[in-house]
């Protein structure tokens, strides 16, 4: 039975890993992760140091720190608040490469198509008078527009790649014209068709419904998906699926991240914006939540397995592997354990490997729900050790640190009986 499950999961994973749209989304988000971390650092300094309400600037003698808040807010704005534009560009680049094109120009076409589908006017107030100004609102360009950027980008670039293959749509220049100029003209007609097509569809949709196309996509797709994931069932299910893929010898984190990244990064942006506005964050399941509770020591919360082996294992081979894996495991690298013990295709260790992240995710969710742990609003690198990750992601909240310690203890207790079972296999 275990072999049959493994075989079926392998077939499913092969299909997912071979899907060019999921690969495009995954690669695009990996490209912008460093910028998201930098933007989160800006949020951290602005809220923890410069905020006169919650930061160090509220204390007597440190009021002068508040004047430097715009410095850090600018860094956040330059990264997090144009996130959808960045994703639109990378979606175009990566999808075009999968279709055999170079990608750079296609990334620009994707950005332009994204803007064509969005409102380009902003209504503001000057005194008591309402004024309509040209511009794109931050609600369009920040993480709220991620789903729109992905959907518009993939549809438009897929069509662009098909159109670019028709010779009749290429403007051919004489051989004396430089190649770069000739290539630009050959892309002209497909670009006109795509951008005018999106603009016409967006204009018509707006006239018929009173809504912009980007707004409709966000309300019909992004909001329901995000709401569905902000509950314990969603995060526990993703933790279980990722662990099962790992047990079958497949990179579960890579497969799951391609699906959840748009959702959890949008939630993180929502929290960051609220904190910058001196309001309480609202979203529980964010990208740092995944790092803090589901992948402590690596996927499967294997920091608990390391501790369980060191506490109860009598097998010299297991103890040797655990000692060698302990330092990498603290930083989330658990491949030595997964393939060394192994956990892959090992029914004894597969059970706790799947259960531990599910239970720890549930503990983290409910601890955050009741307010014992804080909602994360700082993007952190995936390789941060437990406790440090929780402390930084929540701006130094002690309850979050204590929740992570509880999860480490619980994961160790989950692994202990199975480690003792392995002692009998000596």
Protein backbone atom coordinates (compact mmCIF):
# COMPACT_ATOMS: atom_id res chain seq x y z
CA UNK A 1 0.00 0.00 0.00
CA UNK A 2 2.81 2.38 0.90
CA UNK A 3 4.50 1.72 -2.46
CA UNK A 4 1.25 2.35 -4.34
CA UNK A 5 0.70 5.66 -2.54
CA UNK A 6 4.29 6.65 -3.26
CA UNK A 7 3.88 5.77 -6.94
CA UNK A 8 0.68 7.82 -7.29
CA UNK A 9 2.18 10.80 -5.45
CA UNK A 10 5.21 10.57 -7.72
CA UNK A 11 3.01 10.76 -10.81
CA UNK A 12 1.13 13.75 -9.38
CA UNK A 13 4.36 15.51 -8.42
CA UNK A 14 5.82 14.91 -11.87
CA UNK A 15 2.79 16.59 -13.42
CA UNK A 16 2.99 19.53 -11.02
CA UNK A 17 6.74 19.93 -11.45
CA UNK A 18 6.31 19.79 -15.21
CA UNK A 19 3.51 22.37 -15.30
CA UNK A 20 5.03 25.49 -16.85
CA UNK A 21 2.54 27.81 -15.16
CA UNK A 22 3.31 26.56 -11.64
CA UNK A 23 7.03 26.65 -12.43
CA UNK A 24 6.65 30.21 -13.72
CA UNK A 25 4.87 31.32 -10.54
CA UNK A 26 7.40 29.59 -8.28
CA UNK A 27 10.43 31.01 -10.09
CA UNK A 28 8.92 34.49 -10.21
CA UNK A 29 8.34 34.61 -6.46
CA UNK A 30 11.80 33.22 -5.74
CA UNK A 31 13.23 36.12 -7.74
CA UNK A 32 11.55 38.78 -5.58
CA UNK A 33 12.05 37.17 -2.13
CA UNK A 34 15.25 39.20 -1.44
CA UNK A 35 13.35 42.43 -2.17
CA UNK A 36 10.50 41.37 0.12
CA UNK A 37 13.00 40.73 2.93
CA UNK A 38 14.59 44.15 2.39
CA UNK A 39 11.16 45.80 2.44
CA UNK A 40 10.29 43.96 5.64
CA UNK A 41 13.48 45.22 7.26
CA UNK A 42 12.26 48.73 6.44
CA UNK A 43 8.95 47.93 8.14
CA UNK A 44 10.79 46.51 11.16
CA UNK A 45 12.87 49.63 11.72
CA UNK A 46 9.94 51.95 11.06
CA UNK A 47 7.64 50.19 13.52
CA UNK A 48 10.07 49.05 16.21
CA UNK A 49 12.47 52.00 16.22
CA UNK A 50 10.84 55.08 14.69
CA UNK A 51 7.17 54.70 15.61
CA UNK A 52 6.08 57.26 18.26
CA UNK A 53 3.23 54.91 19.19
CA UNK A 54 4.79 51.45 19.43
CA UNK A 55 8.53 51.94 18.88
CA UNK A 56 11.54 53.23 20.74
CA UNK A 57 10.59 56.77 19.66
CA UNK A 58 7.72 56.74 22.19
CA UNK A 59 10.16 56.91 25.12
CA UNK A 60 11.46 60.12 26.57
CA UNK A 61 14.77 61.17 25.05
CA UNK A 62 14.25 59.13 21.87
CA UNK A 63 11.53 61.22 20.23
CA UNK A 64 14.05 62.36 17.60
CA UNK A 65 13.96 58.87 16.04
CA UNK A 66 10.48 59.53 14.66
CA UNK A 67 11.85 61.94 12.04
CA UNK A 68 13.69 59.05 10.37
CA UNK A 69 10.56 56.96 9.78
CA UNK A 70 10.19 58.19 6.14
CA UNK A 71 13.67 56.81 5.41
CA UNK A 72 12.57 53.27 6.21
CA UNK A 73 9.05 53.72 4.82
CA UNK A 74 10.58 54.62 1.47
CA UNK A 75 12.48 51.32 1.35
CA UNK A 76 9.26 49.46 2.11
CA UNK A 77 7.37 51.40 -0.55
CA UNK A 78 10.07 50.79 -3.16
CA UNK A 79 9.83 47.02 -2.67
CA UNK A 80 6.55 45.82 -1.17
CA UNK A 81 4.27 48.41 -2.72
CA UNK A 82 5.36 47.68 -6.28
CA UNK A 83 5.39 43.92 -5.75
CA UNK A 84 2.67 43.23 -8.32
CA UNK A 85 4.60 45.10 -11.01
CA UNK A 86 7.72 43.08 -10.22
CA UNK A 87 5.77 39.82 -10.33
CA UNK A 88 4.10 40.82 -13.61
CA UNK A 89 7.54 41.37 -15.12
CA UNK A 90 8.97 38.06 -13.92
CA UNK A 91 5.83 36.16 -14.94
CA UNK A 92 6.30 37.49 -18.47
CA UNK A 93 10.01 36.71 -18.52
CA UNK A 94 9.78 33.19 -17.14
CA UNK A 95 6.73 32.09 -19.13
CA UNK A 96 8.25 33.42 -22.35
CA UNK A 97 11.43 31.43 -21.67
CA UNK A 98 9.34 28.29 -21.21
CA UNK A 99 7.88 29.01 -24.65
CA UNK A 100 11.28 29.40 -26.27
CA UNK A 101 11.60 33.20 -26.31
CA UNK A 102 14.23 35.38 -24.64
CA UNK A 103 11.90 36.82 -22.02
CA UNK A 104 13.06 40.35 -21.26
CA UNK A 105 10.75 42.17 -23.68
CA UNK A 106 7.90 39.82 -22.86
CA UNK A 107 8.30 40.82 -19.20
CA UNK A 108 7.69 44.43 -20.21
CA UNK A 109 4.64 43.43 -22.25
CA UNK A 110 3.28 41.64 -19.17
CA UNK A 111 3.73 44.77 -17.04
CA UNK A 112 2.02 46.95 -19.64
CA UNK A 113 -0.87 44.50 -19.95
CA UNK A 114 -1.25 44.50 -16.16
CA UNK A 115 -1.48 48.30 -16.14
CA UNK A 116 -3.99 48.24 -19.03
CA UNK A 117 -6.33 46.13 -16.89
CA UNK A 118 -6.07 48.44 -13.87
CA UNK A 119 -7.67 51.80 -13.05
CA UNK A 120 -5.36 54.64 -14.02
CA UNK A 121 -7.14 57.39 -12.10
CA UNK A 122 -7.23 58.09 -8.38
CA UNK A 123 -9.97 60.01 -6.61
CA UNK A 124 -8.68 62.24 -3.83
CA UNK A 125 -9.84 65.10 -1.67
CA UNK A 126 -8.41 68.62 -1.75
CA UNK A 127 -10.12 70.33 1.13
CA UNK A 128 -13.80 69.46 0.71
CA UNK A 129 -13.59 69.03 -3.04
CA UNK A 130 -13.25 65.64 -4.72
CA UNK A 131 -10.54 65.60 -7.39
CA UNK A 132 -9.77 62.91 -9.98
CA UNK A 133 -6.06 62.55 -10.73
CA UNK A 134 -4.07 60.40 -13.11
CA UNK A 135 -2.12 57.60 -11.47
CA UNK A 136 -2.20 53.98 -10.30
CA UNK A 137 -3.24 53.34 -6.71
CA UNK A 138 -1.04 51.43 -4.32
CA UNK A 139 -3.83 48.87 -3.87
CA UNK A 140 -3.20 47.89 -7.48
CA UNK A 141 0.58 47.66 -7.35
CA UNK A 142 1.12 46.10 -3.93
CA UNK A 143 0.48 42.47 -2.98
CA UNK A 144 -3.28 42.83 -3.48
CA UNK A 145 -2.60 42.87 -7.20
CA UNK A 146 -0.53 39.68 -7.24
CA UNK A 147 -3.32 37.43 -8.51
CA UNK A 148 -4.21 39.98 -11.17
CA UNK A 149 -0.58 40.26 -12.25
CA UNK A 150 -0.22 36.48 -12.48
CA UNK A 151 -3.46 35.85 -14.37
CA UNK A 152 -3.16 38.78 -16.79
CA UNK A 153 0.54 38.08 -17.31
CA UNK A 154 0.15 34.38 -18.07
CA UNK A 155 -2.83 34.83 -20.41
CA UNK A 156 -1.26 37.71 -22.31
CA UNK A 157 2.21 36.21 -22.65
CA UNK A 158 0.79 32.86 -23.73
CA UNK A 159 -1.13 34.67 -26.48
CA UNK A 160 1.88 36.82 -27.33
CA UNK A 161 4.08 33.73 -27.76
CA UNK A 162 1.54 32.17 -30.11
CA UNK A 163 1.16 35.37 -32.15
CA UNK A 164 4.93 35.86 -32.41
CA UNK A 165 5.21 32.56 -34.26
CA UNK A 166 3.11 33.78 -37.20
CA UNK A 167 5.41 35.12 -39.90
CA UNK A 168 2.61 37.24 -41.37
CA UNK A 169 2.52 39.29 -38.15
CA UNK A 170 6.24 40.07 -38.29
CA UNK A 171 7.49 43.29 -39.85
CA UNK A 172 10.55 42.24 -41.77
CA UNK A 173 13.33 44.78 -42.19
CA UNK A 174 16.14 44.81 -44.79
CA UNK A 175 19.31 42.88 -43.97
CA UNK A 176 21.17 46.18 -43.55
CA UNK A 177 19.11 47.00 -40.45
CA UNK A 178 20.81 46.00 -37.15
CA UNK A 179 19.41 42.76 -35.62
CA UNK A 180 18.19 44.48 -32.46
CA UNK A 181 16.16 46.99 -34.44
CA UNK A 182 14.76 44.28 -36.70
CA UNK A 183 13.77 42.18 -33.68
CA UNK A 184 11.95 45.16 -32.14
CA UNK A 185 9.86 45.69 -35.26
CA UNK A 186 9.04 41.98 -35.55
CA UNK A 187 7.48 42.16 -32.06
CA UNK A 188 5.46 45.29 -32.85
CA UNK A 189 2.23 43.80 -34.21
CA UNK A 190 1.86 41.07 -31.51
CA UNK A 191 2.44 43.75 -28.86
CA UNK A 192 -0.21 46.02 -30.40
CA UNK A 193 -2.72 43.17 -30.50
CA UNK A 194 -2.09 42.17 -26.87
CA UNK A 195 -2.10 45.62 -25.28
CA UNK A 196 -5.00 47.05 -27.29
CA UNK A 197 -6.86 43.78 -26.72
CA UNK A 198 -6.48 44.02 -22.93
CA UNK A 199 -7.40 47.70 -23.00
CA UNK A 200 -10.55 47.04 -25.05
CA UNK A 201 -11.64 44.16 -22.81
CA UNK A 202 -10.96 46.23 -19.68
CA UNK A 203 -12.82 49.28 -21.05
CA UNK A 204 -15.81 47.21 -22.17
CA UNK A 205 -15.95 45.36 -18.85
CA UNK A 206 -15.87 48.67 -16.97
CA UNK A 207 -18.67 50.12 -19.08
CA UNK A 208 -20.89 47.07 -18.59
CA UNK A 209 -20.27 46.40 -14.89
CA UNK A 210 -18.88 49.63 -13.42
CA UNK A 211 -15.86 47.64 -12.20
CA UNK A 212 -12.33 47.51 -13.52
CA UNK A 213 -11.09 44.16 -14.78
CA UNK A 214 -8.33 44.00 -12.16
CA UNK A 215 -10.83 44.74 -9.40
CA UNK A 216 -13.15 41.94 -10.59
CA UNK A 217 -10.32 39.39 -10.73
CA UNK A 218 -9.27 40.33 -7.20
CA UNK A 219 -12.79 40.06 -5.77
CA UNK A 220 -13.77 36.88 -7.63
CA UNK A 221 -10.52 34.92 -7.23
CA UNK A 222 -8.00 36.43 -4.84
CA UNK A 223 -10.31 37.28 -1.95
CA UNK A 224 -12.05 33.86 -1.70
CA UNK A 225 -8.77 31.94 -2.02
CA UNK A 226 -7.06 34.12 0.60
CA UNK A 227 -10.02 33.81 2.97
CA UNK A 228 -10.08 30.03 2.55
CA UNK A 229 -6.42 29.79 3.50
CA UNK A 230 -6.75 31.92 6.64
CA UNK A 231 -8.07 29.01 8.70
CA UNK A 232 -6.46 25.97 10.37
CA UNK A 233 -7.75 23.53 7.76
CA UNK A 234 -5.96 25.29 4.91
CA UNK A 235 -2.54 25.49 6.57
CA UNK A 236 -2.75 21.97 8.05
CA UNK A 237 -3.73 20.50 4.68
CA UNK A 238 -0.79 22.20 2.94
CA UNK A 239 1.59 20.97 5.66
CA UNK A 240 0.30 17.42 5.22
CA UNK A 241 0.57 17.47 1.41
CA UNK A 242 4.09 18.88 1.51
CA UNK A 243 5.21 16.24 4.02
CA UNK A 244 3.70 13.42 1.96
CA UNK A 245 5.59 14.58 -1.11
CA UNK A 246 8.84 14.60 0.89
CA UNK A 247 8.19 11.07 2.17
CA UNK A 248 7.84 9.98 -1.45
CA UNK A 249 11.28 11.43 -2.20
CA UNK A 250 10.01 14.62 -3.84
CA UNK A 251 10.77 18.22 -2.86
CA UNK A 252 7.52 18.95 -1.04
CA UNK A 253 8.42 22.52 -0.12
CA UNK A 254 9.09 23.44 -3.73
CA UNK A 255 5.79 21.95 -4.89
CA UNK A 256 3.66 23.52 -2.16
CA UNK A 257 5.36 26.93 -2.27
CA UNK A 258 4.40 27.40 -5.90
CA UNK A 259 0.76 27.30 -4.83
CA UNK A 260 0.75 29.10 -1.48
CA UNK A 261 3.29 31.90 -2.02
CA UNK A 262 0.86 34.37 -3.63
CA UNK A 263 -1.56 33.86 -0.74
CA UNK A 264 0.83 34.04 2.21
CA UNK A 265 2.84 36.95 0.79
CA UNK A 266 -0.37 38.93 0.24
CA UNK A 267 -1.30 38.28 3.88
CA UNK A 268 2.16 39.41 5.00
CA UNK A 269 1.81 42.67 3.03
CA UNK A 270 -1.58 43.29 4.64
CA UNK A 271 -0.07 42.95 8.11
CA UNK A 272 2.92 45.14 7.25
CA UNK A 273 0.68 47.91 5.94
CA UNK A 274 -1.45 47.81 9.08
CA UNK A 275 1.60 47.98 11.35
CA UNK A 276 2.98 50.96 9.43
CA UNK A 277 -0.39 52.65 9.94
CA UNK A 278 -0.12 51.96 13.71
CA UNK A 279 -2.92 49.38 13.53
CA UNK A 280 -2.99 45.76 14.68
CA UNK A 281 -2.21 43.14 12.00
CA UNK A 282 -5.11 40.87 11.08
CA UNK A 283 -3.76 37.92 9.04
CA UNK A 284 -2.59 34.78 10.86
CA UNK A 285 -1.25 32.62 8.03
CA UNK A 286 1.63 34.49 6.38
CA UNK A 287 4.89 33.44 4.79
CA UNK A 288 6.79 33.75 8.12
CA UNK A 289 4.08 31.64 9.83
CA UNK A 290 5.08 28.78 7.53
CA UNK A 291 8.74 29.18 8.52
CA UNK A 292 8.00 29.58 12.23
CA UNK A 293 5.77 26.55 12.74
CA UNK A 294 5.71 24.20 9.74
CA UNK A 295 9.38 24.04 8.80
CA UNK A 296 11.24 24.36 12.09
CA UNK A 297 14.54 22.61 11.44
CA UNK A 298 13.28 21.84 7.94
CA UNK A 299 10.06 20.43 6.57
CA UNK A 300 8.47 17.96 8.98
CA UNK A 301 9.62 19.96 12.04
CA UNK A 302 12.65 17.68 12.07
CA UNK A 303 14.30 19.64 14.85
CA UNK A 304 12.06 17.45 17.03
CA UNK A 305 13.45 14.34 15.34
CA UNK A 306 17.02 15.48 15.99
CA UNK A 307 16.29 15.99 19.68
CA UNK A 308 14.37 12.70 19.94
CA UNK A 309 17.32 10.76 18.44
CA UNK A 310 19.81 12.42 20.78
CA UNK A 311 17.55 11.69 23.77
CA UNK A 312 16.34 8.15 23.11
CA UNK A 313 18.10 6.51 20.20
CA UNK A 314 20.43 3.58 20.89
CA UNK A 315 21.38 3.18 17.26
CA UNK A 316 24.91 4.39 16.57
CA UNK A 317 24.07 5.07 12.92
CA UNK A 318 21.07 7.25 13.78
CA UNK A 319 22.98 9.15 16.45
CA UNK A 320 25.89 9.74 14.10
CA UNK A 321 23.58 11.10 11.39
CA UNK A 322 21.77 13.27 13.96
CA UNK A 323 25.03 14.78 15.22
CA UNK A 324 26.17 15.55 11.68
CA UNK A 325 22.74 16.96 10.79
CA UNK A 326 22.21 19.08 13.89
CA UNK A 327 23.99 22.24 12.73
CA UNK A 328 22.39 22.26 9.25
CA UNK A 329 19.05 21.33 10.84
CA UNK A 330 19.05 24.43 13.01
CA UNK A 331 19.11 26.46 9.81
CA UNK A 332 16.35 24.50 8.09
CA UNK A 333 18.52 22.18 5.99
CA UNK A 334 17.28 18.68 6.78
CA UNK A 335 18.18 16.75 3.61
CA UNK A 336 20.88 14.81 5.53
CA UNK A 337 18.12 13.45 7.79
CA UNK A 338 15.55 12.92 5.05
CA UNK A 339 17.90 10.91 2.86
CA UNK A 340 20.37 9.72 5.50
CA UNK A 341 18.17 7.93 8.03
CA UNK A 342 16.21 7.80 5.67
CA UNK A 343 12.75 9.32 6.10
CA UNK A 344 12.01 8.83 2.40
CA UNK A 345 9.94 5.66 1.87
CA UNK A 346 10.36 4.77 5.55
CA UNK A 347 6.92 3.93 7.07
CA UNK A 348 8.24 4.16 10.63
CA UNK A 349 9.41 7.76 10.36
CA UNK A 350 6.89 8.84 7.70
CA UNK A 351 4.05 8.94 10.24
CA UNK A 352 5.62 11.47 12.67
CA UNK A 353 7.14 13.38 9.75
CA UNK A 354 3.63 14.04 8.45
CA UNK A 355 1.97 14.53 11.86
CA UNK A 356 4.52 16.93 13.41
CA UNK A 357 4.09 19.88 11.01
CA UNK A 358 0.30 19.44 11.03
CA UNK A 359 0.12 19.58 14.82
CA UNK A 360 2.67 22.40 15.13
CA UNK A 361 0.80 24.44 12.51
CA UNK A 362 -2.40 23.94 14.52
CA UNK A 363 -0.69 25.01 17.75
CA UNK A 364 0.78 28.08 16.07
CA UNK A 365 -2.58 28.99 14.51
CA UNK A 366 -4.62 28.77 17.71
CA UNK A 367 -1.91 30.44 19.81
CA UNK A 368 -2.00 33.34 17.36
CA UNK A 369 -5.80 33.32 17.24
CA UNK A 370 -6.12 33.77 21.01
CA UNK A 371 -3.38 36.40 21.08
CA UNK A 372 -0.73 34.41 22.94
CA UNK A 373 1.49 34.53 19.85
CA UNK A 374 1.69 37.55 17.57
CA UNK A 375 0.79 37.84 13.90
CA UNK A 376 3.92 38.04 11.75
CA UNK A 377 4.53 41.15 9.67
CA UNK A 378 8.26 40.88 8.91
CA UNK A 379 9.54 38.70 6.07
CA UNK A 380 12.36 36.49 7.32
CA UNK A 381 14.80 34.19 5.49
CA UNK A 382 13.65 30.56 5.52
CA UNK A 383 16.98 29.45 7.00
CA UNK A 384 16.64 31.29 10.33
CA UNK A 385 16.74 28.98 13.39
CA UNK A 386 13.58 28.50 15.47
CA UNK A 387 13.04 31.06 18.24
CA UNK A 388 15.14 33.60 16.30
CA UNK A 389 12.66 33.37 13.42
CA UNK A 390 9.65 33.95 15.67
CA UNK A 391 11.32 36.81 17.51
CA UNK A 392 12.24 38.70 14.33
CA UNK A 393 9.07 37.98 12.31
CA UNK A 394 6.85 39.50 15.00
CA UNK A 395 9.06 42.40 16.04
CA UNK A 396 10.27 40.77 19.27
CA UNK A 397 7.07 39.19 20.63
CA UNK A 398 7.89 36.82 23.52
CA UNK A 399 4.64 34.87 23.25
CA UNK A 400 5.61 33.80 19.74
CA UNK A 401 8.98 32.59 20.99
CA UNK A 402 7.27 30.59 23.75
CA UNK A 403 4.88 29.09 21.20
CA UNK A 404 7.81 27.95 19.09
CA UNK A 405 9.42 26.36 22.16
CA UNK A 406 6.14 24.52 22.85
CA UNK A 407 6.09 23.31 19.24
CA UNK A 408 9.67 22.05 19.52
CA UNK A 409 8.75 20.09 22.66
CA UNK A 410 5.58 18.70 21.06
CA UNK A 411 7.39 17.68 17.86
CA UNK A 412 10.05 15.93 19.95
CA UNK A 413 7.35 14.02 21.84
CA UNK A 414 5.72 13.03 18.53
CA UNK A 415 8.99 11.61 17.19
CA UNK A 416 10.10 9.87 20.44
CA UNK A 417 7.94 6.69 20.21
CA UNK A 418 9.00 6.12 16.62
CA UNK A 419 12.67 6.64 17.45
CA UNK A 420 12.29 4.02 20.18
CA UNK A 421 10.67 1.68 17.65
CA UNK A 422 13.79 2.00 15.52
CA UNK A 423 15.87 0.84 18.49
CA UNK A 424 14.26 -2.57 18.10
CA UNK A 425 15.52 -2.73 14.53
CA UNK A 426 19.17 -2.86 15.68
